[in-house]
Amino acid sequence: MVRQADSLMNKTLRNKKLADKAITPLLEEWGKPSELRDLIKNLQDSNQFSKALEASSWFCDQKAHNHFPEDYADRLDLTEKVFGLKEAVKFFETSIPENMKGFSVYSTLLNSYTRSHQNLDKAEAIFEKMRELGFLTKLSPFRSMISLYSVLGKLVEIDIF
């Protein structure tokens, strides 16, 4: 799989002309969904967020594949990294099917809000929604909120946790 991912990346990035072109046509000849997920992860790990978002978008739009909430969480994260928080929220609200809005999607949205350091009310609203949905069984949402409260100097809120 690593060789296949390297091969696709090399085809795409071999020279400056190809680096600026879409990778979608190359994805059509790609293999299994697990290999596409690995490719997207490899592109993310190499900070090629635009290419990773393109691959993730293409993959999520394929009706022939079974998708998981993590696929949409990755696309949400990439949307925020490439286009910003506003577009990520728009993607969350309009494009993610309700049955795919699991822990990973909400956690990714919460992380997007907490990274921005400007949306305390919205981060708190997502955290409360996660509580309502029973998604606060892991530490990561608490860590995200504690980090945001710390950055904003709201130490009283940290004591509540």
N, C-alpha and C. Protein backbone atom coordinates (compact mmCIF):
# COMPACT_ATOMS: atom_id res chain seq x y z
N MET A 1 0.81 -1.19 0.00
CA MET A 1 0.00 0.00 0.00
C MET A 1 0.86 1.26 0.00
N VAL A 2 1.92 1.21 0.77
CA VAL A 2 2.81 2.37 0.82
C VAL A 2 3.40 2.62 -0.56
N ARG A 3 3.78 1.55 -1.26
CA ARG A 3 4.31 1.71 -2.61
C ARG A 3 3.28 2.31 -3.55
N GLN A 4 2.02 1.86 -3.43
CA GLN A 4 0.98 2.41 -4.28
C GLN A 4 0.76 3.89 -4.00
N ALA A 5 0.74 4.24 -2.72
CA ALA A 5 0.57 5.64 -2.35
C ALA A 5 1.74 6.47 -2.87
N ASP A 6 2.95 5.94 -2.71
CA ASP A 6 4.12 6.65 -3.24
C ASP A 6 4.05 6.79 -4.75
N SER A 7 3.61 5.74 -5.41
CA SER A 7 3.49 5.78 -6.87
C SER A 7 2.51 6.86 -7.31
N LEU A 8 1.34 6.92 -6.65
CA LEU A 8 0.37 7.94 -7.01
C LEU A 8 0.90 9.33 -6.71
N MET A 9 1.51 9.47 -5.55
CA MET A 9 2.06 10.78 -5.20
C MET A 9 3.16 11.18 -6.17
N ASN A 10 3.99 10.22 -6.56
CA ASN A 10 5.05 10.53 -7.52
C ASN A 10 4.47 10.92 -8.87
N LYS A 11 3.44 10.21 -9.33
CA LYS A 11 2.78 10.58 -10.59
C LYS A 11 2.25 12.00 -10.51
N THR A 12 1.66 12.31 -9.37
CA THR A 12 1.03 13.60 -9.20
C THR A 12 2.04 14.73 -9.04
N LEU A 13 3.11 14.44 -8.33
CA LEU A 13 4.04 15.51 -7.95
C LEU A 13 5.37 15.47 -8.69
N ARG A 14 5.46 14.67 -9.73
CA ARG A 14 6.72 14.46 -10.42
C ARG A 14 7.34 15.79 -10.88
N ASN A 15 6.54 16.65 -11.39
CA ASN A 15 7.07 17.95 -11.79
C ASN A 15 6.09 19.05 -11.41
N LYS A 16 6.47 20.27 -11.59
CA LYS A 16 5.66 21.41 -11.17
C LYS A 16 4.30 21.43 -11.87
N LYS A 17 4.25 21.05 -13.13
CA LYS A 17 2.99 21.06 -13.87
C LYS A 17 1.99 20.10 -13.25
N LEU A 18 2.42 18.90 -12.91
CA LEU A 18 1.51 17.92 -12.33
C LEU A 18 1.13 18.27 -10.91
N ALA A 19 1.99 18.94 -10.18
CA ALA A 19 1.70 19.28 -8.79
C ALA A 19 0.49 20.19 -8.68
N ASP A 20 0.22 20.97 -9.70
CA ASP A 20 -0.90 21.90 -9.68
C ASP A 20 -2.18 21.30 -10.25
N LYS A 21 -2.11 20.09 -10.76
CA LYS A 21 -3.28 19.46 -11.38
C LYS A 21 -4.05 18.62 -10.38
N ALA A 22 -5.30 18.37 -10.72
CA ALA A 22 -6.17 17.58 -9.88
C ALA A 22 -5.71 16.12 -9.86
N ILE A 23 -5.90 15.48 -8.72
CA ILE A 23 -5.55 14.06 -8.62
C ILE A 23 -6.77 13.16 -8.81
N THR A 24 -7.94 13.76 -8.93
CA THR A 24 -9.17 12.98 -9.05
C THR A 24 -9.12 11.95 -10.17
N PRO A 25 -8.64 12.28 -11.37
CA PRO A 25 -8.59 11.24 -12.41
C PRO A 25 -7.72 10.04 -12.03
N LEU A 26 -6.69 10.27 -11.25
CA LEU A 26 -5.83 9.18 -10.81
C LEU A 26 -6.51 8.31 -9.76
N LEU A 27 -7.42 8.90 -9.00
CA LEU A 27 -8.10 8.15 -7.94
C LEU A 27 -9.04 7.10 -8.50
N GLU A 28 -9.54 7.35 -9.69
CA GLU A 28 -10.48 6.40 -10.29
C GLU A 28 -9.83 5.04 -10.56
N GLU A 29 -8.52 5.03 -10.73
CA GLU A 29 -7.84 3.76 -10.95
C GLU A 29 -7.30 3.15 -9.65
N TRP A 30 -7.60 3.81 -8.54
CA TRP A 30 -7.14 3.35 -7.24
C TRP A 30 -7.92 2.12 -6.83
N GLY A 31 -7.39 1.41 -5.86
CA GLY A 31 -7.97 0.14 -5.43
C GLY A 31 -9.04 0.25 -4.37
N LYS A 32 -8.80 -0.43 -3.29
CA LYS A 32 -9.77 -0.59 -2.21
C LYS A 32 -9.95 0.70 -1.41
N PRO A 33 -11.12 0.82 -0.74
CA PRO A 33 -11.34 1.99 0.12
C PRO A 33 -10.26 2.15 1.19
N SER A 34 -9.79 1.04 1.74
CA SER A 34 -8.75 1.14 2.77
C SER A 34 -7.48 1.78 2.21
N GLU A 35 -7.19 1.49 0.94
CA GLU A 35 -6.01 2.09 0.31
C GLU A 35 -6.21 3.59 0.07
N LEU A 36 -7.44 3.98 -0.26
CA LEU A 36 -7.74 5.41 -0.42
C LEU A 36 -7.60 6.13 0.91
N ARG A 37 -8.07 5.49 1.97
CA ARG A 37 -7.93 6.10 3.30
C ARG A 37 -6.45 6.26 3.65
N ASP A 38 -5.64 5.27 3.31
CA ASP A 38 -4.20 5.36 3.56
C ASP A 38 -3.58 6.49 2.75
N LEU A 39 -4.00 6.63 1.51
CA LEU A 39 -3.49 7.71 0.66
C LEU A 39 -3.83 9.06 1.28
N ILE A 40 -5.08 9.23 1.69
CA ILE A 40 -5.50 10.49 2.30
C ILE A 40 -4.67 10.78 3.54
N LYS A 41 -4.45 9.78 4.36
CA LYS A 41 -3.63 9.94 5.57
C LYS A 41 -2.19 10.32 5.20
N ASN A 42 -1.63 9.65 4.19
CA ASN A 42 -0.27 9.98 3.75
C ASN A 42 -0.17 11.41 3.24
N LEU A 43 -1.16 11.85 2.50
CA LEU A 43 -1.17 13.23 2.00
C LEU A 43 -1.28 14.21 3.17
N GLN A 44 -2.10 13.89 4.15
CA GLN A 44 -2.22 14.74 5.35
C GLN A 44 -0.88 14.79 6.09
N ASP A 45 -0.28 13.62 6.28
CA ASP A 45 0.98 13.56 7.02
C ASP A 45 2.11 14.32 6.34
N SER A 46 2.00 14.46 5.01
CA SER A 46 3.03 15.22 4.29
C SER A 46 2.59 16.66 4.02
N ASN A 47 1.59 17.12 4.78
CA ASN A 47 1.09 18.50 4.72
C ASN A 47 0.58 18.90 3.34
N GLN A 48 0.10 17.94 2.58
CA GLN A 48 -0.51 18.23 1.29
C GLN A 48 -2.03 18.25 1.47
N PHE A 49 -2.48 19.24 2.23
CA PHE A 49 -3.87 19.27 2.65
C PHE A 49 -4.84 19.45 1.50
N SER A 50 -4.49 20.26 0.51
CA SER A 50 -5.39 20.45 -0.64
C SER A 50 -5.58 19.15 -1.40
N LYS A 51 -4.50 18.42 -1.64
CA LYS A 51 -4.59 17.13 -2.33
C LYS A 51 -5.36 16.12 -1.48
N ALA A 52 -5.10 16.12 -0.19
CA ALA A 52 -5.82 15.20 0.71
C ALA A 52 -7.31 15.52 0.71
N LEU A 53 -7.65 16.82 0.72
CA LEU A 53 -9.06 17.20 0.69
C LEU A 53 -9.71 16.79 -0.63
N GLU A 54 -9.00 16.96 -1.72
CA GLU A 54 -9.52 16.54 -3.02
C GLU A 54 -9.80 15.04 -3.02
N ALA A 55 -8.85 14.26 -2.52
CA ALA A 55 -9.03 12.80 -2.47
C ALA A 55 -10.16 12.42 -1.52
N SER A 56 -10.23 13.08 -0.37
CA SER A 56 -11.27 12.80 0.61
C SER A 56 -12.65 13.16 0.06
N SER A 57 -12.75 14.28 -0.61
CA SER A 57 -14.03 14.71 -1.20
C SER A 57 -14.48 13.70 -2.25
N TRP A 58 -13.56 13.31 -3.11
CA TRP A 58 -13.89 12.33 -4.16
C TRP A 58 -14.36 11.03 -3.51
N PHE A 59 -13.62 10.58 -2.51
CA PHE A 59 -13.94 9.32 -1.84
C PHE A 59 -15.32 9.38 -1.17
N CYS A 60 -15.59 10.46 -0.43
CA CYS A 60 -16.88 10.57 0.28
C CYS A 60 -18.06 10.69 -0.68
N ASP A 61 -17.79 11.17 -1.88
CA ASP A 61 -18.86 11.31 -2.87
C ASP A 61 -19.15 10.01 -3.62
N GLN A 62 -18.32 9.00 -3.44
CA GLN A 62 -18.53 7.72 -4.12
C GLN A 62 -19.59 6.92 -3.38
N LYS A 63 -20.68 6.66 -4.05
CA LYS A 63 -21.79 5.93 -3.44
C LYS A 63 -21.50 4.43 -3.34
N ALA A 64 -20.57 3.94 -4.13
CA ALA A 64 -20.28 2.50 -4.16
C ALA A 64 -19.51 2.03 -2.93
N HIS A 65 -18.96 2.95 -2.16
CA HIS A 65 -18.15 2.58 -0.99
C HIS A 65 -18.96 2.73 0.29
N ASN A 66 -18.65 1.91 1.26
CA ASN A 66 -19.19 2.09 2.60
C ASN A 66 -18.33 3.12 3.30
N HIS A 67 -18.97 4.13 3.83
CA HIS A 67 -18.24 5.18 4.53
C HIS A 67 -18.46 5.06 6.02
N PHE A 68 -17.52 5.65 6.75
CA PHE A 68 -17.56 5.66 8.20
C PHE A 68 -17.53 7.11 8.67
N PRO A 69 -17.99 7.37 9.89
CA PRO A 69 -17.90 8.74 10.41
C PRO A 69 -16.49 9.31 10.33
N GLU A 70 -15.48 8.46 10.50
CA GLU A 70 -14.09 8.94 10.44
C GLU A 70 -13.74 9.50 9.06
N ASP A 71 -14.34 8.97 8.01
CA ASP A 71 -14.11 9.51 6.67
C ASP A 71 -14.58 10.96 6.59
N TYR A 72 -15.76 11.21 7.17
CA TYR A 72 -16.29 12.57 7.18
C TYR A 72 -15.53 13.46 8.15
N ALA A 73 -15.06 12.89 9.25
CA ALA A 73 -14.25 13.66 10.21
C ALA A 73 -12.96 14.13 9.54
N ASP A 74 -12.32 13.25 8.78
CA ASP A 74 -11.11 13.64 8.06
C ASP A 74 -11.40 14.76 7.07
N ARG A 75 -12.49 14.61 6.34
CA ARG A 75 -12.84 15.64 5.36
C ARG A 75 -13.17 16.96 6.05
N LEU A 76 -13.85 16.90 7.19
CA LEU A 76 -14.16 18.11 7.96
C LEU A 76 -12.88 18.80 8.41
N ASP A 77 -11.94 18.03 8.93
CA ASP A 77 -10.66 18.58 9.38
C ASP A 77 -9.89 19.21 8.21
N LEU A 78 -9.87 18.51 7.09
CA LEU A 78 -9.17 19.04 5.91
C LEU A 78 -9.84 20.29 5.37
N THR A 79 -11.16 20.31 5.40
CA THR A 79 -11.89 21.50 4.94
C THR A 79 -11.51 22.71 5.79
N GLU A 80 -11.41 22.49 7.10
CA GLU A 80 -11.01 23.59 7.97
C GLU A 80 -9.57 24.04 7.68
N LYS A 81 -8.68 23.10 7.47
CA LYS A 81 -7.28 23.45 7.21
C LYS A 81 -7.10 24.16 5.88
N VAL A 82 -7.88 23.78 4.87
CA VAL A 82 -7.72 24.36 3.53
C VAL A 82 -8.54 25.64 3.37
N PHE A 83 -9.80 25.62 3.84
CA PHE A 83 -10.70 26.74 3.58
C PHE A 83 -11.10 27.55 4.80
N GLY A 84 -10.79 27.05 5.99
CA GLY A 84 -11.11 27.79 7.20
C GLY A 84 -12.32 27.25 7.94
N LEU A 85 -12.50 27.77 9.14
CA LEU A 85 -13.54 27.30 10.04
C LEU A 85 -14.94 27.51 9.47
N LYS A 86 -15.18 28.64 8.85
CA LYS A 86 -16.51 28.94 8.32
C LYS A 86 -16.95 27.87 7.31
N GLU A 87 -16.07 27.49 6.41
CA GLU A 87 -16.40 26.46 5.41
C GLU A 87 -16.54 25.08 6.06
N ALA A 88 -15.76 24.83 7.08
CA ALA A 88 -15.87 23.54 7.79
C ALA A 88 -17.23 23.43 8.46
N VAL A 89 -17.68 24.50 9.10
CA VAL A 89 -19.00 24.49 9.75
C VAL A 89 -20.09 24.31 8.71
N LYS A 90 -19.94 24.98 7.59
CA LYS A 90 -20.91 24.84 6.50
C LYS A 90 -20.96 23.39 6.01
N PHE A 91 -19.79 22.77 5.85
CA PHE A 91 -19.73 21.37 5.44
C PHE A 91 -20.42 20.48 6.47
N PHE A 92 -20.15 20.72 7.76
CA PHE A 92 -20.78 19.94 8.83
C PHE A 92 -22.29 20.05 8.77
N GLU A 93 -22.78 21.28 8.61
CA GLU A 93 -24.22 21.51 8.66
C GLU A 93 -24.96 21.03 7.42
N THR A 94 -24.33 21.07 6.27
CA THR A 94 -25.07 20.80 5.03
C THR A 94 -24.70 19.50 4.32
N SER A 95 -23.54 18.96 4.58
CA SER A 95 -23.07 17.85 3.74
C SER A 95 -22.83 16.53 4.45
N ILE A 96 -22.73 16.54 5.75
CA ILE A 96 -22.49 15.28 6.46
C ILE A 96 -23.84 14.66 6.81
N PRO A 97 -24.08 13.45 6.35
CA PRO A 97 -25.34 12.78 6.69
C PRO A 97 -25.47 12.62 8.21
N GLU A 98 -26.68 12.75 8.71
CA GLU A 98 -26.91 12.67 10.16
C GLU A 98 -26.39 11.36 10.75
N ASN A 99 -26.54 10.26 10.02
CA ASN A 99 -26.09 8.97 10.55
C ASN A 99 -24.56 8.85 10.59
N MET A 100 -23.86 9.82 10.03
CA MET A 100 -22.39 9.83 10.06
C MET A 100 -21.83 10.81 11.09
N LYS A 101 -22.71 11.53 11.76
CA LYS A 101 -22.27 12.50 12.76
C LYS A 101 -22.07 11.81 14.10
N GLY A 102 -20.98 11.03 14.16
CA GLY A 102 -20.63 10.32 15.37
C GLY A 102 -19.60 11.08 16.19
N PHE A 103 -19.02 10.38 17.15
CA PHE A 103 -18.03 11.00 18.04
C PHE A 103 -16.91 11.67 17.27
N SER A 104 -16.35 10.97 16.28
CA SER A 104 -15.19 11.51 15.56
C SER A 104 -15.51 12.81 14.84
N VAL A 105 -16.70 12.92 14.29
CA VAL A 105 -17.10 14.15 13.57
C VAL A 105 -17.28 15.30 14.57
N TYR A 106 -18.02 15.04 15.64
CA TYR A 106 -18.23 16.09 16.64
C TYR A 106 -16.91 16.50 17.31
N SER A 107 -16.06 15.54 17.58
CA SER A 107 -14.77 15.83 18.18
C SER A 107 -13.92 16.70 17.25
N THR A 108 -13.96 16.40 15.97
CA THR A 108 -13.22 17.20 14.98
C THR A 108 -13.76 18.62 14.93
N LEU A 109 -15.08 18.76 14.94
CA LEU A 109 -15.68 20.10 14.92
C LEU A 109 -15.30 20.86 16.20
N LEU A 110 -15.36 20.20 17.33
CA LEU A 110 -14.97 20.83 18.59
C LEU A 110 -13.51 21.29 18.52
N ASN A 111 -12.63 20.44 18.00
CA ASN A 111 -11.22 20.82 17.87
C ASN A 111 -11.04 22.02 16.96
N SER A 112 -11.83 22.09 15.91
CA SER A 112 -11.76 23.24 14.99
C SER A 112 -12.12 24.52 15.73
N TYR A 113 -13.18 24.47 16.53
CA TYR A 113 -13.57 25.65 17.29
C TYR A 113 -12.52 26.01 18.34
N THR A 114 -11.99 25.01 19.04
CA THR A 114 -11.04 25.32 20.10
C THR A 114 -9.71 25.82 19.55
N ARG A 115 -9.32 25.35 18.37
CA ARG A 115 -8.08 25.85 17.75
C ARG A 115 -8.19 27.31 17.34
N SER A 116 -9.40 27.75 17.02
CA SER A 116 -9.56 29.13 16.56
C SER A 116 -9.43 30.15 17.70
N HIS A 117 -9.64 29.71 18.94
CA HIS A 117 -9.55 30.57 20.13
C HIS A 117 -10.51 31.76 20.08
N GLN A 118 -11.49 31.75 19.18
CA GLN A 118 -12.40 32.88 19.06
C GLN A 118 -13.86 32.49 19.22
N ASN A 119 -14.13 31.23 19.36
CA ASN A 119 -15.50 30.76 19.34
C ASN A 119 -15.86 29.97 20.60
N LEU A 120 -15.66 30.58 21.74
CA LEU A 120 -15.92 29.90 23.01
C LEU A 120 -17.37 29.44 23.09
N ASP A 121 -18.32 30.33 22.76
CA ASP A 121 -19.74 29.96 22.85
C ASP A 121 -20.07 28.77 21.96
N LYS A 122 -19.53 28.76 20.76
CA LYS A 122 -19.82 27.67 19.83
C LYS A 122 -19.13 26.38 20.28
N ALA A 123 -17.91 26.51 20.80
CA ALA A 123 -17.22 25.33 21.32
C ALA A 123 -18.00 24.73 22.49
N GLU A 124 -18.48 25.59 23.38
CA GLU A 124 -19.27 25.11 24.52
C GLU A 124 -20.57 24.46 24.04
N ALA A 125 -21.19 25.02 23.00
CA ALA A 125 -22.43 24.44 22.47
C ALA A 125 -22.17 23.05 21.88
N ILE A 126 -21.07 22.89 21.16
CA ILE A 126 -20.73 21.57 20.60
C ILE A 126 -20.42 20.60 21.73
N PHE A 127 -19.71 21.05 22.75
CA PHE A 127 -19.40 20.20 23.89
C PHE A 127 -20.70 19.73 24.56
N GLU A 128 -21.65 20.63 24.74
CA GLU A 128 -22.93 20.26 25.35
C GLU A 128 -23.72 19.30 24.45
N LYS A 129 -23.67 19.51 23.15
CA LYS A 129 -24.32 18.59 22.21
C LYS A 129 -23.69 17.20 22.33
N MET A 130 -22.38 17.16 22.46
CA MET A 130 -21.69 15.88 22.64
C MET A 130 -22.14 15.21 23.94
N ARG A 131 -22.36 16.01 24.98
CA ARG A 131 -22.86 15.47 26.25
C ARG A 131 -24.25 14.86 26.04
N GLU A 132 -25.12 15.60 25.35
CA GLU A 132 -26.48 15.11 25.09
C GLU A 132 -26.47 13.79 24.30
N LEU A 133 -25.53 13.67 23.37
CA LEU A 133 -25.45 12.49 22.53
C LEU A 133 -24.70 11.33 23.18
N GLY A 134 -24.16 11.57 24.37
CA GLY A 134 -23.43 10.52 25.08
C GLY A 134 -22.01 10.31 24.55
N PHE A 135 -21.44 11.36 23.94
CA PHE A 135 -20.11 11.26 23.34
C PHE A 135 -18.97 11.68 24.27
N LEU A 136 -19.26 11.96 25.52
CA LEU A 136 -18.21 12.41 26.42
C LEU A 136 -17.64 11.27 27.25
N THR A 137 -17.38 10.16 26.60
CA THR A 137 -16.81 9.00 27.28
C THR A 137 -15.29 8.95 27.16
N LYS A 138 -14.74 9.83 26.35
CA LYS A 138 -13.28 9.89 26.17
C LYS A 138 -12.78 11.23 26.69
N LEU A 139 -11.48 11.30 26.92
CA LEU A 139 -10.89 12.52 27.49
C LEU A 139 -10.67 13.64 26.48
N SER A 140 -10.57 13.33 25.21
CA SER A 140 -10.18 14.36 24.24
C SER A 140 -11.09 15.59 24.21
N PRO A 141 -12.42 15.46 24.30
CA PRO A 141 -13.23 16.69 24.32
C PRO A 141 -12.95 17.56 25.55
N PHE A 142 -12.72 16.91 26.69
CA PHE A 142 -12.41 17.65 27.91
C PHE A 142 -11.07 18.37 27.76
N ARG A 143 -10.09 17.68 27.19
CA ARG A 143 -8.77 18.31 26.97
C ARG A 143 -8.89 19.51 26.04
N SER A 144 -9.70 19.37 24.99
CA SER A 144 -9.88 20.49 24.05
C SER A 144 -10.46 21.70 24.76
N MET A 145 -11.48 21.48 25.58
CA MET A 145 -12.11 22.60 26.28
C MET A 145 -11.18 23.19 27.33
N ILE A 146 -10.46 22.35 28.07
CA ILE A 146 -9.51 22.85 29.06
C ILE A 146 -8.44 23.69 28.38
N SER A 147 -7.97 23.24 27.23
CA SER A 147 -6.97 24.00 26.49
C SER A 147 -7.52 25.36 26.07
N LEU A 148 -8.73 25.38 25.57
CA LEU A 148 -9.35 26.65 25.15
C LEU A 148 -9.53 27.57 26.34
N TYR A 149 -10.06 27.05 27.45
CA TYR A 149 -10.25 27.88 28.64
C TYR A 149 -8.90 28.42 29.13
N SER A 150 -7.88 27.61 29.07
CA SER A 150 -6.56 28.03 29.51
C SER A 150 -6.03 29.17 28.65
N VAL A 151 -6.14 29.03 27.33
CA VAL A 151 -5.67 30.07 26.41
C VAL A 151 -6.43 31.37 26.64
N LEU A 152 -7.73 31.26 26.93
CA LEU A 152 -8.55 32.45 27.14
C LEU A 152 -8.48 32.99 28.56
N GLY A 153 -7.70 32.32 29.43
CA GLY A 153 -7.54 32.78 30.81
C GLY A 153 -8.78 32.57 31.67
N LYS A 154 -9.58 31.60 31.34
CA LYS A 154 -10.81 31.32 32.09
C LYS A 154 -10.56 30.13 33.03
N LEU A 155 -9.80 30.39 34.08
CA LEU A 155 -9.38 29.33 34.99
C LEU A 155 -10.53 28.78 35.83
N VAL A 156 -11.56 29.57 36.07
CA VAL A 156 -12.71 29.10 36.84
C VAL A 156 -13.38 27.93 36.10
N GLU A 157 -13.51 28.05 34.77
CA GLU A 157 -14.12 26.98 33.99
C GLU A 157 -13.30 25.70 34.02
N ILE A 158 -11.99 25.84 34.10
CA ILE A 158 -11.13 24.66 34.17
C ILE A 158 -11.38 23.91 35.47
N ASP A 159 -11.59 24.63 36.57
CA ASP A 159 -11.84 24.00 37.86
C ASP A 159 -13.12 23.16 37.84
N ILE A 160 -14.08 23.54 36.98
CA ILE A 160 -15.35 22.79 36.91
C ILE A 160 -15.11 21.38 36.39
N PHE A 161 -14.17 21.23 35.47
CA PHE A 161 -13.86 19.92 34.90
C PHE A 161 -13.21 19.07 35.95
